Amino acid sequence: MQSPTLNGKVVFITGGSRRVGAVVCRHLHAQGANLVIHYRSSRDDAQALQAELQRLRPDSVTLLQGDLLDYARLDTLVQEAARAYGRLDVLLNNASSFYPTPIGQATEKQWDDLFGSNLKAPFFLCQAAAPYLKRSGGCIVNMADVHAERPLKNYPIYSAAKAGLVMLTLSLARELGPEVRVNAIAPGTILWPEHEMDDATKTQILERVPQKRSGEPMDIARTVLFLIRDAHYISGQVIAVDGGRSVVA
């Protein structure tokens, strides 16, 4: 059995208590990382995940609750994450709002929410984390989306916010190098949205994926681990984990 490879590393992940985020947490924890898991309202999920992982390795998971749209508190969140284990090696901007905003129905509140969670909060978290990451020679991984390049119909605000996150990734790779690497992952169809989507729509989506199937959360988790552990000369890149969807017109 391969020995853990992230022993002593500290990963701060936003929105890490459920769905893809929770799978990423389990995978990084299995590699020896100490985790600081942020959640907004999923307290029960966060506490259950913490208990599960700490049964395997005591004192290895810290929880931080916070609303990422409370921008005045973001510096404090990062400070608390760095204090939890005395260092910070990885910032994983995973938290995201996702819902349709059809033209003619979109509101300013939706704009602020979608741009806030997908772009503004990640920027200010990166800014706050930069001194700690420079000290440790760490990295940032942003969770983008294939729809940053190919907009999803009825999701113009979300698609634009993720496009901004991609450009932020490229910009920060220049701003924070050489000490800090900054990359992004652009998932395709990994987990279906929590809001209703009929089977016909799902079939139509998968028909446009060369692999003809959806991916799995572990596909994302393995890519995150690669970017943290193995990608020492990769920065400013966006890796599509989409079964080839991004090459189809």
C-alpha atoms as a PDB file:
ATOM      1  CA  MET A   1       0.000   0.000   0.000  1.00  0.00           C
ATOM      2  CA  GLN A   2       1.343   3.413  -0.987  1.00  0.00           C
ATOM      3  CA  SER A   3       2.184   5.624   1.981  1.00  0.00           C
ATOM      4  CA  PRO A   4       0.360   8.975   2.358  1.00  0.00           C
ATOM      5  CA  THR A   5       1.959  11.743   0.327  1.00  0.00           C
ATOM      6  CA  LEU A   6       0.476  14.893   1.876  1.00  0.00           C
ATOM      7  CA  ASN A   7       1.646  14.319   5.451  1.00  0.00           C
ATOM      8  CA  GLY A   8       1.897  17.645   7.268  1.00  0.00           C
ATOM      9  CA  LYS A   9       0.151  19.620   4.504  1.00  0.00           C
ATOM     10  CA  VAL A  10      -2.848  21.775   5.394  1.00  0.00           C
ATOM     11  CA  VAL A  11      -5.694  22.207   2.907  1.00  0.00           C
ATOM     12  CA  PHE A  12      -8.398  24.862   3.298  1.00  0.00           C
ATOM     13  CA  ILE A  13     -11.414  23.931   1.174  1.00  0.00           C
ATOM     14  CA  THR A  14     -14.551  26.037   0.844  1.00  0.00           C
ATOM     15  CA  GLY A  15     -17.881  24.265   0.518  1.00  0.00           C
ATOM     16  CA  GLY A  16     -16.250  20.985   1.424  1.00  0.00           C
ATOM     17  CA  SER A  17     -18.942  19.299   3.510  1.00  0.00           C
ATOM     18  CA  ARG A  18     -20.988  17.597   0.808  1.00  0.00           C
ATOM     19  CA  ARG A  19     -21.239  16.339  -2.778  1.00  0.00           C
ATOM     20  CA  VAL A  20     -17.977  16.675  -4.757  1.00  0.00           C
ATOM     21  CA  GLY A  21     -16.328  18.693  -1.988  1.00  0.00           C
ATOM     22  CA  ALA A  22     -16.769  15.889   0.543  1.00  0.00           C
ATOM     23  CA  VAL A  23     -15.269  13.321  -1.849  1.00  0.00           C
ATOM     24  CA  VAL A  24     -12.265  15.592  -2.396  1.00  0.00           C
ATOM     25  CA  CYS A  25     -11.873  15.942   1.372  1.00  0.00           C
ATOM     26  CA  ARG A  26     -11.879  12.178   1.896  1.00  0.00           C
ATOM     27  CA  HIS A  27      -9.315  11.665  -0.865  1.00  0.00           C
ATOM     28  CA  LEU A  28      -6.898  14.324   0.396  1.00  0.00           C
ATOM     29  CA  HIS A  29      -7.323  13.167   3.985  1.00  0.00           C
ATOM     30  CA  ALA A  30      -6.439   9.613   2.943  1.00  0.00           C
ATOM     31  CA  GLN A  31      -3.199  11.028   1.557  1.00  0.00           C
ATOM     32  CA  GLY A  32      -2.283  12.469   4.957  1.00  0.00           C
ATOM     33  CA  ALA A  33      -3.480  16.067   4.642  1.00  0.00           C
ATOM     34  CA  ASN A  34      -4.946  17.975   7.550  1.00  0.00           C
ATOM     35  CA  LEU A  35      -8.162  19.659   6.448  1.00  0.00           C
ATOM     36  CA  VAL A  36      -9.866  22.922   7.262  1.00  0.00           C
ATOM     37  CA  ILE A  37     -13.364  22.487   5.861  1.00  0.00           C
ATOM     38  CA  HIS A  38     -15.546  25.531   5.358  1.00  0.00           C
ATOM     39  CA  TYR A  39     -19.320  25.276   5.214  1.00  0.00           C
ATOM     40  CA  ARG A  40     -22.129  27.821   5.154  1.00  0.00           C
ATOM     41  CA  SER A  41     -25.330  26.091   6.253  1.00  0.00           C
ATOM     42  CA  SER A  42     -24.615  22.341   5.978  1.00  0.00           C
ATOM     43  CA  ARG A  43     -23.567  21.971   9.610  1.00  0.00           C
ATOM     44  CA  ASP A  44     -24.856  18.429  10.036  1.00  0.00           C
ATOM     45  CA  ASP A  45     -23.037  17.243   6.904  1.00  0.00           C
ATOM     46  CA  ALA A  46     -19.851  19.007   7.985  1.00  0.00           C
ATOM     47  CA  GLN A  47     -19.895  17.538  11.480  1.00  0.00           C
ATOM     48  CA  ALA A  48     -20.618  14.055  10.158  1.00  0.00           C
ATOM     49  CA  LEU A  49     -17.705  14.293   7.716  1.00  0.00           C
ATOM     50  CA  GLN A  50     -15.411  15.593  10.444  1.00  0.00           C
ATOM     51  CA  ALA A  51     -16.377  12.727  12.778  1.00  0.00           C
ATOM     52  CA  GLU A  52     -15.878  10.161   9.998  1.00  0.00           C
ATOM     53  CA  LEU A  53     -12.402  11.404   9.129  1.00  0.00           C
ATOM     54  CA  GLN A  54     -11.251  11.929  12.699  1.00  0.00           C
ATOM     55  CA  ARG A  55     -12.105   8.346  13.544  1.00  0.00           C
ATOM     56  CA  LEU A  56      -9.426   7.477  11.008  1.00  0.00           C
ATOM     57  CA  ARG A  57      -6.956  10.134  12.188  1.00  0.00           C
ATOM     58  CA  PRO A  58      -7.671  12.199  15.313  1.00  0.00           C
ATOM     59  CA  ASP A  59      -7.271  15.994  15.305  1.00  0.00           C
ATOM     60  CA  SER A  60      -6.940  16.145  11.534  1.00  0.00           C
ATOM     61  CA  VAL A  61     -10.082  18.073  10.535  1.00  0.00           C
ATOM     62  CA  THR A  62     -11.182  21.564  11.585  1.00  0.00           C
ATOM     63  CA  LEU A  63     -14.518  23.095  10.625  1.00  0.00           C
ATOM     64  CA  LEU A  64     -15.120  26.766   9.838  1.00  0.00           C
ATOM     65  CA  GLN A  65     -18.603  28.156   9.333  1.00  0.00           C
ATOM     66  CA  GLY A  66     -19.125  31.306   7.319  1.00  0.00           C
ATOM     67  CA  ASP A  67     -21.035  33.079   4.584  1.00  0.00           C
ATOM     68  CA  LEU A  68     -18.575  33.808   1.781  1.00  0.00           C
ATOM     69  CA  LEU A  69     -20.707  36.791   0.772  1.00  0.00           C
ATOM     70  CA  ASP A  70     -19.747  38.375   4.107  1.00  0.00           C
ATOM     71  CA  TYR A  71     -16.604  39.760   2.529  1.00  0.00           C
ATOM     72  CA  ALA A  72     -15.449  41.546   5.681  1.00  0.00           C
ATOM     73  CA  ARG A  73     -14.959  38.150   7.345  1.00  0.00           C
ATOM     74  CA  LEU A  74     -12.927  36.457   4.619  1.00  0.00           C
ATOM     75  CA  ASP A  75      -9.571  37.606   5.984  1.00  0.00           C
ATOM     76  CA  THR A  76     -10.546  36.206   9.377  1.00  0.00           C
ATOM     77  CA  LEU A  77     -11.584  32.871   7.846  1.00  0.00           C
ATOM     78  CA  VAL A  78      -8.178  32.497   6.223  1.00  0.00           C
ATOM     79  CA  GLN A  79      -6.384  33.499   9.423  1.00  0.00           C
ATOM     80  CA  GLU A  80      -8.369  30.881  11.351  1.00  0.00           C
ATOM     81  CA  ALA A  81      -7.582  28.269   8.707  1.00  0.00           C
ATOM     82  CA  ALA A  82      -3.858  29.023   8.944  1.00  0.00           C
ATOM     83  CA  ARG A  83      -3.909  28.963  12.751  1.00  0.00           C
ATOM     84  CA  ALA A  84      -5.672  25.599  12.919  1.00  0.00           C
ATOM     85  CA  TYR A  85      -2.467  23.630  12.214  1.00  0.00           C
ATOM     86  CA  GLY A  86       0.126  26.393  12.153  1.00  0.00           C
ATOM     87  CA  ARG A  87       0.441  26.674   8.380  1.00  0.00           C
ATOM     88  CA  LEU A  88      -1.472  26.737   5.100  1.00  0.00           C
ATOM     89  CA  ASP A  89      -0.387  24.848   1.978  1.00  0.00           C
ATOM     90  CA  VAL A  90      -3.453  24.736  -0.254  1.00  0.00           C
ATOM     91  CA  LEU A  91      -6.503  26.907  -0.855  1.00  0.00           C
ATOM     92  CA  LEU A  92      -9.233  25.072  -2.750  1.00  0.00           C
ATOM     93  CA  ASN A  93     -12.013  27.417  -3.871  1.00  0.00           C
ATOM     94  CA  ASN A  94     -14.795  24.873  -4.245  1.00  0.00           C
ATOM     95  CA  ALA A  95     -17.909  26.658  -2.926  1.00  0.00           C
ATOM     96  CA  SER A  96     -20.294  27.789  -5.648  1.00  0.00           C
ATOM     97  CA  SER A  97     -23.849  28.934  -6.259  1.00  0.00           C
ATOM     98  CA  PHE A  98     -25.496  27.430  -9.349  1.00  0.00           C
ATOM     99  CA  TYR A  99     -28.986  28.095 -10.684  1.00  0.00           C
ATOM    100  CA  PRO A 100     -30.618  29.439 -13.877  1.00  0.00           C
ATOM    101  CA  THR A 101     -31.084  33.157 -14.539  1.00  0.00           C
ATOM    102  CA  PRO A 102     -32.955  33.388 -17.862  1.00  0.00           C
ATOM    103  CA  ILE A 103     -32.852  36.725 -19.636  1.00  0.00           C
ATOM    104  CA  GLY A 104     -35.890  38.765 -18.615  1.00  0.00           C
ATOM    105  CA  GLN A 105     -36.086  37.095 -15.213  1.00  0.00           C
ATOM    106  CA  ALA A 106     -32.636  37.673 -13.700  1.00  0.00           C
ATOM    107  CA  THR A 107     -32.299  39.973 -10.700  1.00  0.00           C
ATOM    108  CA  GLU A 108     -29.496  42.071  -9.268  1.00  0.00           C
ATOM    109  CA  LYS A 109     -29.592  39.918  -6.144  1.00  0.00           C
ATOM    110  CA  GLN A 110     -28.919  36.811  -8.254  1.00  0.00           C
ATOM    111  CA  TRP A 111     -26.065  38.615  -9.994  1.00  0.00           C
ATOM    112  CA  ASP A 112     -24.497  39.552  -6.650  1.00  0.00           C
ATOM    113  CA  ASP A 113     -24.924  36.010  -5.312  1.00  0.00           C
ATOM    114  CA  LEU A 114     -23.518  34.209  -8.352  1.00  0.00           C
ATOM    115  CA  PHE A 115     -20.624  36.593  -8.919  1.00  0.00           C
ATOM    116  CA  GLY A 116     -20.007  36.771  -5.191  1.00  0.00           C
ATOM    117  CA  SER A 117     -19.663  33.041  -4.581  1.00  0.00           C
ATOM    118  CA  ASN A 118     -17.984  32.176  -7.888  1.00  0.00           C
ATOM    119  CA  LEU A 119     -15.606  35.114  -8.363  1.00  0.00           C
ATOM    120  CA  LYS A 120     -15.496  37.847  -5.712  1.00  0.00           C
ATOM    121  CA  ALA A 121     -15.103  35.571  -2.686  1.00  0.00           C
ATOM    122  CA  PRO A 122     -12.437  33.409  -4.379  1.00  0.00           C
ATOM    123  CA  PHE A 123     -10.419  36.522  -5.218  1.00  0.00           C
ATOM    124  CA  PHE A 124     -10.431  37.889  -1.680  1.00  0.00           C
ATOM    125  CA  LEU A 125      -9.740  34.456  -0.199  1.00  0.00           C
ATOM    126  CA  CYS A 126      -6.755  34.117  -2.546  1.00  0.00           C
ATOM    127  CA  GLN A 127      -5.539  37.569  -1.580  1.00  0.00           C
ATOM    128  CA  ALA A 128      -5.799  36.778   2.121  1.00  0.00           C
ATOM    129  CA  ALA A 129      -4.161  33.368   1.724  1.00  0.00           C
ATOM    130  CA  ALA A 130      -1.283  34.546  -0.478  1.00  0.00           C
ATOM    131  CA  PRO A 131       1.201  35.389   2.331  1.00  0.00           C
ATOM    132  CA  TYR A 132       0.693  31.992   3.988  1.00  0.00           C
ATOM    133  CA  LEU A 133       0.948  30.127   0.689  1.00  0.00           C
ATOM    134  CA  LYS A 134       4.109  32.003  -0.290  1.00  0.00           C
ATOM    135  CA  ARG A 135       5.640  31.006   3.023  1.00  0.00           C
ATOM    136  CA  SER A 136       4.855  27.324   2.458  1.00  0.00           C
ATOM    137  CA  GLY A 137       5.435  27.231  -1.308  1.00  0.00           C
ATOM    138  CA  GLY A 138       1.811  26.191  -1.668  1.00  0.00           C
ATOM    139  CA  CYS A 139      -0.848  26.345  -4.330  1.00  0.00           C
ATOM    140  CA  ILE A 140      -4.381  27.435  -5.178  1.00  0.00           C
ATOM    141  CA  VAL A 141      -6.910  25.278  -6.988  1.00  0.00           C
ATOM    142  CA  ASN A 142     -10.059  26.994  -8.261  1.00  0.00           C
ATOM    143  CA  MET A 143     -13.152  25.046  -9.250  1.00  0.00           C
ATOM    144  CA  ALA A 144     -14.213  26.494 -12.589  1.00  0.00           C
ATOM    145  CA  ASP A 145     -16.616  24.917 -15.103  1.00  0.00           C
ATOM    146  CA  VAL A 146     -16.611  23.863 -18.746  1.00  0.00           C
ATOM    147  CA  HIS A 147     -19.339  26.473 -19.212  1.00  0.00           C
ATOM    148  CA  ALA A 148     -16.804  29.210 -18.596  1.00  0.00           C
ATOM    149  CA  GLU A 149     -15.911  28.730 -22.278  1.00  0.00           C
ATOM    150  CA  ARG A 150     -19.180  27.321 -23.632  1.00  0.00           C
ATOM    151  CA  PRO A 151     -22.049  29.125 -21.899  1.00  0.00           C
ATOM    152  CA  LEU A 152     -24.929  27.057 -20.574  1.00  0.00           C
ATOM    153  CA  LYS A 153     -28.294  28.194 -21.899  1.00  0.00           C
ATOM    154  CA  ASN A 154     -30.398  30.013 -19.287  1.00  0.00           C
ATOM    155  CA  TYR A 155     -27.339  30.364 -17.018  1.00  0.00           C
ATOM    156  CA  PRO A 156     -25.733  33.574 -18.377  1.00  0.00           C
ATOM    157  CA  ILE A 157     -24.729  35.025 -14.997  1.00  0.00           C
ATOM    158  CA  TYR A 158     -23.257  31.767 -13.699  1.00  0.00           C
ATOM    159  CA  SER A 159     -21.373  31.177 -16.961  1.00  0.00           C
ATOM    160  CA  ALA A 160     -19.958  34.713 -16.913  1.00  0.00           C
ATOM    161  CA  ALA A 161     -18.884  34.388 -13.273  1.00  0.00           C
ATOM    162  CA  LYS A 162     -17.028  31.145 -13.984  1.00  0.00           C
ATOM    163  CA  ALA A 163     -15.384  32.774 -17.009  1.00  0.00           C
ATOM    164  CA  GLY A 164     -14.154  35.445 -14.628  1.00  0.00           C
ATOM    165  CA  LEU A 165     -12.790  32.773 -12.301  1.00  0.00           C
ATOM    166  CA  VAL A 166     -10.799  31.287 -15.187  1.00  0.00           C
ATOM    167  CA  MET A 167      -9.225  34.665 -15.943  1.00  0.00           C
ATOM    168  CA  LEU A 168      -8.590  35.174 -12.235  1.00  0.00           C
ATOM    169  CA  THR A 169      -6.702  31.866 -12.213  1.00  0.00           C
ATOM    170  CA  LEU A 170      -4.492  32.967 -15.069  1.00  0.00           C
ATOM    171  CA  SER A 171      -3.928  36.410 -13.545  1.00  0.00           C
ATOM    172  CA  LEU A 172      -3.018  35.087 -10.117  1.00  0.00           C
ATOM    173  CA  ALA A 173      -0.580  32.607 -11.617  1.00  0.00           C
ATOM    174  CA  ARG A 174       1.353  35.656 -12.832  1.00  0.00           C
ATOM    175  CA  GLU A 175       0.827  37.705  -9.691  1.00  0.00           C
ATOM    176  CA  LEU A 176       1.787  35.011  -7.166  1.00  0.00           C
ATOM    177  CA  GLY A 177       4.516  33.119  -8.978  1.00  0.00           C
ATOM    178  CA  PRO A 178       7.070  31.759  -8.492  1.00  0.00           C
ATOM    179  CA  GLU A 179       6.220  30.936  -4.879  1.00  0.00           C
ATOM    180  CA  VAL A 180       2.568  29.968  -5.432  1.00  0.00           C
ATOM    181  CA  ARG A 181       1.096  27.899  -8.251  1.00  0.00           C
ATOM    182  CA  VAL A 182      -2.480  28.690  -9.298  1.00  0.00           C
ATOM    183  CA  ASN A 183      -4.587  26.330 -11.417  1.00  0.00           C
ATOM    184  CA  ALA A 184      -8.225  25.504 -12.012  1.00  0.00           C
ATOM    185  CA  ILE A 185     -10.350  22.469 -12.760  1.00  0.00           C
ATOM    186  CA  ALA A 186     -13.281  22.709 -15.156  1.00  0.00           C
ATOM    187  CA  PRO A 187     -15.690  19.868 -14.393  1.00  0.00           C
ATOM    188  CA  GLY A 188     -18.191  18.687 -16.937  1.00  0.00           C
ATOM    189  CA  THR A 189     -21.134  16.495 -15.985  1.00  0.00           C
ATOM    190  CA  ILE A 190     -20.045  14.973 -12.681  1.00  0.00           C
ATOM    191  CA  LEU A 191     -23.104  15.118 -10.435  1.00  0.00           C
ATOM    192  CA  TRP A 192     -26.487  16.212 -11.698  1.00  0.00           C
ATOM    193  CA  PRO A 193     -27.772  19.504 -10.227  1.00  0.00           C
ATOM    194  CA  GLU A 194     -29.840  19.262  -7.072  1.00  0.00           C
ATOM    195  CA  HIS A 195     -32.699  21.121  -8.723  1.00  0.00           C
ATOM    196  CA  GLU A 196     -34.953  19.108 -11.023  1.00  0.00           C
ATOM    197  CA  MET A 197     -33.657  17.963 -14.405  1.00  0.00           C
ATOM    198  CA  ASP A 198     -35.693  15.546 -16.507  1.00  0.00           C
ATOM    199  CA  ASP A 199     -34.270  12.347 -17.997  1.00  0.00           C
ATOM    200  CA  ALA A 200     -34.617  13.605 -21.555  1.00  0.00           C
ATOM    201  CA  THR A 201     -32.394  16.593 -20.779  1.00  0.00           C
ATOM    202  CA  LYS A 202     -29.815  14.352 -19.104  1.00  0.00           C
ATOM    203  CA  THR A 203     -29.763  12.047 -22.130  1.00  0.00           C
ATOM    204  CA  GLN A 204     -29.350  15.019 -24.467  1.00  0.00           C
ATOM    205  CA  ILE A 205     -26.407  16.294 -22.434  1.00  0.00           C
ATOM    206  CA  LEU A 206     -24.638  12.926 -22.336  1.00  0.00           C
ATOM    207  CA  GLU A 207     -25.074  12.462 -26.094  1.00  0.00           C
ATOM    208  CA  ARG A 208     -22.696  15.412 -26.531  1.00  0.00           C
ATOM    209  CA  VAL A 209     -20.025  13.828 -24.337  1.00  0.00           C
ATOM    210  CA  PRO A 210     -17.585  11.640 -26.306  1.00  0.00           C
ATOM    211  CA  GLN A 211     -17.367   9.256 -23.325  1.00  0.00           C
ATOM    212  CA  LYS A 212     -21.214   8.952 -23.406  1.00  0.00           C
ATOM    213  CA  ARG A 213     -21.486   9.006 -19.636  1.00  0.00           C
ATOM    214  CA  SER A 214     -21.214  11.307 -16.665  1.00  0.00           C
ATOM    215  CA  GLY A 215     -18.066  11.470 -14.591  1.00  0.00           C
ATOM    216  CA  GLU A 216     -17.660  10.673 -10.917  1.00  0.00           C
ATOM    217  CA  PRO A 217     -16.618  12.906  -8.003  1.00  0.00           C
ATOM    218  CA  MET A 218     -13.423  10.863  -7.681  1.00  0.00           C
ATOM    219  CA  ASP A 219     -12.418  12.109 -11.137  1.00  0.00           C
ATOM    220  CA  ILE A 220     -12.303  15.584  -9.644  1.00  0.00           C
ATOM    221  CA  ALA A 221     -10.646  14.427  -6.416  1.00  0.00           C
ATOM    222  CA  ARG A 222      -7.832  12.695  -8.298  1.00  0.00           C
ATOM    223  CA  THR A 223      -7.248  15.826 -10.400  1.00  0.00           C
ATOM    224  CA  VAL A 224      -7.088  17.993  -7.289  1.00  0.00           C
ATOM    225  CA  LEU A 225      -4.514  15.652  -5.778  1.00  0.00           C
ATOM    226  CA  PHE A 226      -2.468  15.749  -8.987  1.00  0.00           C
ATOM    227  CA  LEU A 227      -2.401  19.554  -8.994  1.00  0.00           C
ATOM    228  CA  ILE A 228      -1.371  19.672  -5.340  1.00  0.00           C
ATOM    229  CA  ARG A 229       1.113  16.828  -5.226  1.00  0.00           C
ATOM    230  CA  ASP A 230       2.558  16.256  -8.683  1.00  0.00           C
ATOM    231  CA  ALA A 231       2.153  19.400 -10.816  1.00  0.00           C
ATOM    232  CA  HIS A 232       5.253  21.244  -9.645  1.00  0.00           C
ATOM    233  CA  TYR A 233       5.806  22.963 -13.010  1.00  0.00           C
ATOM    234  CA  ILE A 234       2.158  23.602 -13.886  1.00  0.00           C
ATOM    235  CA  SER A 235       0.598  26.991 -13.165  1.00  0.00           C
ATOM    236  CA  GLY A 236      -2.013  29.150 -14.866  1.00  0.00           C
ATOM    237  CA  GLN A 237      -3.772  26.143 -16.394  1.00  0.00           C
ATOM    238  CA  VAL A 238      -7.380  24.978 -16.502  1.00  0.00           C
ATOM    239  CA  ILE A 239      -7.839  21.210 -16.664  1.00  0.00           C
ATOM    240  CA  ALA A 240     -11.159  20.093 -18.140  1.00  0.00           C
ATOM    241  CA  VAL A 241     -12.496  16.945 -16.484  1.00  0.00           C
ATOM    242  CA  ASP A 242     -15.445  16.482 -18.788  1.00  0.00           C
ATOM    243  CA  GLY A 243     -15.200  13.252 -20.757  1.00  0.00           C
ATOM    244  CA  GLY A 244     -14.225  15.253 -23.854  1.00  0.00           C
ATOM    245  CA  ARG A 245     -17.308  17.502 -23.814  1.00  0.00           C
ATOM    246  CA  SER A 246     -15.242  20.656 -24.340  1.00  0.00           C
ATOM    247  CA  VAL A 247     -13.999  19.482 -27.765  1.00  0.00           C
ATOM    248  CA  VAL A 248     -17.527  19.034 -29.152  1.00  0.00           C
ATOM    249  CA  ALA A 249     -19.064  22.027 -30.916  1.00  0.00           C
END
